Every structure is written in structure tokens, then in C-alpha cells.
Amino acid sequence: MAKETWRRRWQRKVAQALELPTDVALDVTRVEIVGMLQVSVTNHQGLLQFTPEAVVVAVDQGSVTIAGAELVIALIDATTLIITGRVRGLAFAGEE
């Protein structure tokens, strides 16, 4: 993992003092899974690949791969991507 910068440390401390969610204060990716039916990726960097069996999403420190069947993009906008279908797996690839 990359060394945390002084700015990132300062943002984290301010977020803790104000009791803000870390993902909001630091503008990092948030991945939410609802059962095996839906995956939501907030603060994504774009869609890299889409098939009904796999979706690859660019995130701030690499990518997230959602594997499954009958996957569908339910919503995509500048910050949020929602995938529905039969979710079978989730994998992260990124900077070490």
C-alpha cells in the first residue's frame, strides 16, 4: 500500500473529529453488496469491461471485478454504478 501523505492523514483526522464517514471525507471508493443480488460502487473511475458474466470497474487504487450471471447495469452516472443480477464473486486488484 502506498505511504499515506500528510494531506490524507490530515483529512482522516478532520473526518474523525467531525464524525464524517471516511469514504465521504477522503473521496475513496465505496463498494456495497446487497445479498447476492446487487453491487453498488460509489466514487468509481469508469467502466472497464462489461459482459453478463463479469463487470470490471476502475477505482482510485486499481479495479473491482464483479463476477456472476445475468449481470445488468441498473444505474451508471459520474459517481455511482449499480450492478444487479446473480452476483457470485467480487475481486479487488490494485496497487500494492
C-alpha atoms as a PDB file:
ATOM      1  CA  MET A   1       0.000   0.000   0.000  1.00  0.00           C
ATOM      2  CA  ALA A   2       1.272   3.463  -0.832  1.00  0.00           C
ATOM      3  CA  LYS A   3       2.536   5.608   2.031  1.00  0.00           C
ATOM      4  CA  GLU A   4      -0.171   7.879   3.391  1.00  0.00           C
ATOM      5  CA  THR A   5       0.538  11.541   2.607  1.00  0.00           C
ATOM      6  CA  TRP A   6       0.326  14.314   5.198  1.00  0.00           C
ATOM      7  CA  ARG A   7      -2.752  15.657   3.408  1.00  0.00           C
ATOM      8  CA  ARG A   8      -4.537  12.290   3.578  1.00  0.00           C
ATOM      9  CA  ARG A   9      -3.638  11.966   7.296  1.00  0.00           C
ATOM     10  CA  TRP A  10      -4.981  15.471   7.931  1.00  0.00           C
ATOM     11  CA  GLN A  11      -8.222  14.681   6.054  1.00  0.00           C
ATOM     12  CA  ARG A  12      -8.639  11.477   8.043  1.00  0.00           C
ATOM     13  CA  LYS A  13      -8.171  13.317  11.363  1.00  0.00           C
ATOM     14  CA  VAL A  14     -10.683  16.016  10.379  1.00  0.00           C
ATOM     15  CA  ALA A  15     -13.180  13.348   9.309  1.00  0.00           C
ATOM     16  CA  GLN A  16     -12.803  11.573  12.651  1.00  0.00           C
ATOM     17  CA  ALA A  17     -13.158  14.835  14.608  1.00  0.00           C
ATOM     18  CA  LEU A  18     -16.317  15.771  12.691  1.00  0.00           C
ATOM     19  CA  GLU A  19     -17.567  12.162  12.763  1.00  0.00           C
ATOM     20  CA  LEU A  20     -17.857  12.073   8.971  1.00  0.00           C
ATOM     21  CA  PRO A  21     -17.819   8.783   7.069  1.00  0.00           C
ATOM     22  CA  THR A  22     -14.274   8.104   5.868  1.00  0.00           C
ATOM     23  CA  ASP A  23     -15.318   7.418   2.263  1.00  0.00           C
ATOM     24  CA  VAL A  24     -17.004  10.829   2.040  1.00  0.00           C
ATOM     25  CA  ALA A  25     -14.182  12.791   3.639  1.00  0.00           C
ATOM     26  CA  LEU A  26     -11.381  11.095   1.715  1.00  0.00           C
ATOM     27  CA  ASP A  27     -13.239  10.640  -1.586  1.00  0.00           C
ATOM     28  CA  VAL A  28     -12.356   6.948  -1.790  1.00  0.00           C
ATOM     29  CA  THR A  29     -14.293   4.153  -3.458  1.00  0.00           C
ATOM     30  CA  ARG A  30     -17.156   2.538  -1.551  1.00  0.00           C
ATOM     31  CA  VAL A  31     -18.411  -0.925  -2.538  1.00  0.00           C
ATOM     32  CA  GLU A  32     -21.718  -2.152  -1.101  1.00  0.00           C
ATOM     33  CA  ILE A  33     -23.099  -5.659  -1.599  1.00  0.00           C
ATOM     34  CA  VAL A  34     -26.794  -6.447  -1.128  1.00  0.00           C
ATOM     35  CA  GLY A  35     -27.042 -10.199  -0.702  1.00  0.00           C
ATOM     36  CA  MET A  36     -26.128 -11.923  -3.940  1.00  0.00           C
ATOM     37  CA  LEU A  37     -28.404  -9.628  -5.948  1.00  0.00           C
ATOM     38  CA  GLN A  38     -26.754  -6.204  -6.221  1.00  0.00           C
ATOM     39  CA  VAL A  39     -23.396  -4.423  -6.018  1.00  0.00           C
ATOM     40  CA  SER A  40     -23.072  -0.652  -5.763  1.00  0.00           C
ATOM     41  CA  VAL A  41     -19.749   1.112  -6.454  1.00  0.00           C
ATOM     42  CA  THR A  42     -19.570   4.758  -5.408  1.00  0.00           C
ATOM     43  CA  ASN A  43     -16.738   7.102  -6.465  1.00  0.00           C
ATOM     44  CA  HIS A  44     -15.786   4.838  -9.379  1.00  0.00           C
ATOM     45  CA  GLN A  45     -13.417   5.935 -12.147  1.00  0.00           C
ATOM     46  CA  GLY A  46     -15.291   4.326 -15.038  1.00  0.00           C
ATOM     47  CA  LEU A  47     -16.380   1.037 -16.540  1.00  0.00           C
ATOM     48  CA  LEU A  48     -13.516  -1.036 -17.999  1.00  0.00           C
ATOM     49  CA  GLN A  49     -15.395  -4.146 -19.147  1.00  0.00           C
ATOM     50  CA  PHE A  50     -18.977  -5.390 -19.214  1.00  0.00           C
ATOM     51  CA  THR A  51     -20.448  -8.784 -20.059  1.00  0.00           C
ATOM     52  CA  PRO A  52     -23.437 -10.579 -18.498  1.00  0.00           C
ATOM     53  CA  GLU A  53     -20.873 -12.704 -16.582  1.00  0.00           C
ATOM     54  CA  ALA A  54     -18.347 -10.066 -15.451  1.00  0.00           C
ATOM     55  CA  VAL A  55     -18.106  -6.344 -14.849  1.00  0.00           C
ATOM     56  CA  VAL A  56     -14.755  -4.616 -14.285  1.00  0.00           C
ATOM     57  CA  VAL A  57     -14.840  -1.154 -12.729  1.00  0.00           C
ATOM     58  CA  ALA A  58     -11.898   1.241 -12.404  1.00  0.00           C
ATOM     59  CA  VAL A  59     -11.451   2.603  -8.880  1.00  0.00           C
ATOM     60  CA  ASP A  60      -8.993   5.019  -7.297  1.00  0.00           C
ATOM     61  CA  GLN A  61      -6.414   2.332  -6.451  1.00  0.00           C
ATOM     62  CA  GLY A  62      -6.984  -0.278  -9.166  1.00  0.00           C
ATOM     63  CA  SER A  63     -10.104  -2.179 -10.203  1.00  0.00           C
ATOM     64  CA  VAL A  64     -13.037  -4.179  -8.868  1.00  0.00           C
ATOM     65  CA  THR A  65     -14.315  -7.229 -10.755  1.00  0.00           C
ATOM     66  CA  ILE A  66     -17.871  -8.401 -10.164  1.00  0.00           C
ATOM     67  CA  ALA A  67     -18.491 -11.962 -11.355  1.00  0.00           C
ATOM     68  CA  GLY A  68     -21.878 -13.576 -11.763  1.00  0.00           C
ATOM     69  CA  ALA A  69     -24.653 -14.369 -14.198  1.00  0.00           C
ATOM     70  CA  GLU A  70     -27.268 -12.236 -15.886  1.00  0.00           C
ATOM     71  CA  LEU A  71     -25.477  -9.087 -14.713  1.00  0.00           C
ATOM     72  CA  VAL A  72     -27.117  -5.836 -15.745  1.00  0.00           C
ATOM     73  CA  ILE A  73     -26.125  -2.200 -15.268  1.00  0.00           C
ATOM     74  CA  ALA A  74     -29.095  -0.817 -13.331  1.00  0.00           C
ATOM     75  CA  LEU A  75     -27.574   2.661 -12.929  1.00  0.00           C
ATOM     76  CA  ILE A  76     -24.443   4.447 -14.032  1.00  0.00           C
ATOM     77  CA  ASP A  77     -23.594   8.091 -13.527  1.00  0.00           C
ATOM     78  CA  ALA A  78     -20.492  10.144 -12.771  1.00  0.00           C
ATOM     79  CA  THR A  79     -20.098   8.751  -9.246  1.00  0.00           C
ATOM     80  CA  THR A  80     -22.305   5.658  -8.839  1.00  0.00           C
ATOM     81  CA  LEU A  81     -22.548   2.319 -10.609  1.00  0.00           C
ATOM     82  CA  ILE A  82     -25.175  -0.262  -9.616  1.00  0.00           C
ATOM     83  CA  ILE A  83     -24.994  -3.812 -10.961  1.00  0.00           C
ATOM     84  CA  THR A  84     -27.852  -6.275 -10.483  1.00  0.00           C
ATOM     85  CA  GLY A  85     -28.138  -9.963 -11.296  1.00  0.00           C
ATOM     86  CA  ARG A  86     -26.819 -13.120  -9.693  1.00  0.00           C
ATOM     87  CA  VAL A  87     -23.595 -11.995  -8.038  1.00  0.00           C
ATOM     88  CA  ARG A  88     -21.166 -14.845  -7.416  1.00  0.00           C
ATOM     89  CA  GLY A  89     -17.925 -13.089  -6.544  1.00  0.00           C
ATOM     90  CA  LEU A  90     -16.068  -9.858  -6.030  1.00  0.00           C
ATOM     91  CA  ALA A  91     -12.321  -9.337  -6.547  1.00  0.00           C
ATOM     92  CA  PHE A  92     -10.073  -6.342  -5.997  1.00  0.00           C
ATOM     93  CA  ALA A  93      -6.885  -5.709  -7.978  1.00  0.00           C
ATOM     94  CA  GLY A  94      -4.663  -2.749  -7.400  1.00  0.00           C
ATOM     95  CA  GLU A  95      -1.580  -1.094  -6.085  1.00  0.00           C
ATOM     96  CA  GLU A  96       0.438  -2.984  -3.518  1.00  0.00           C
END
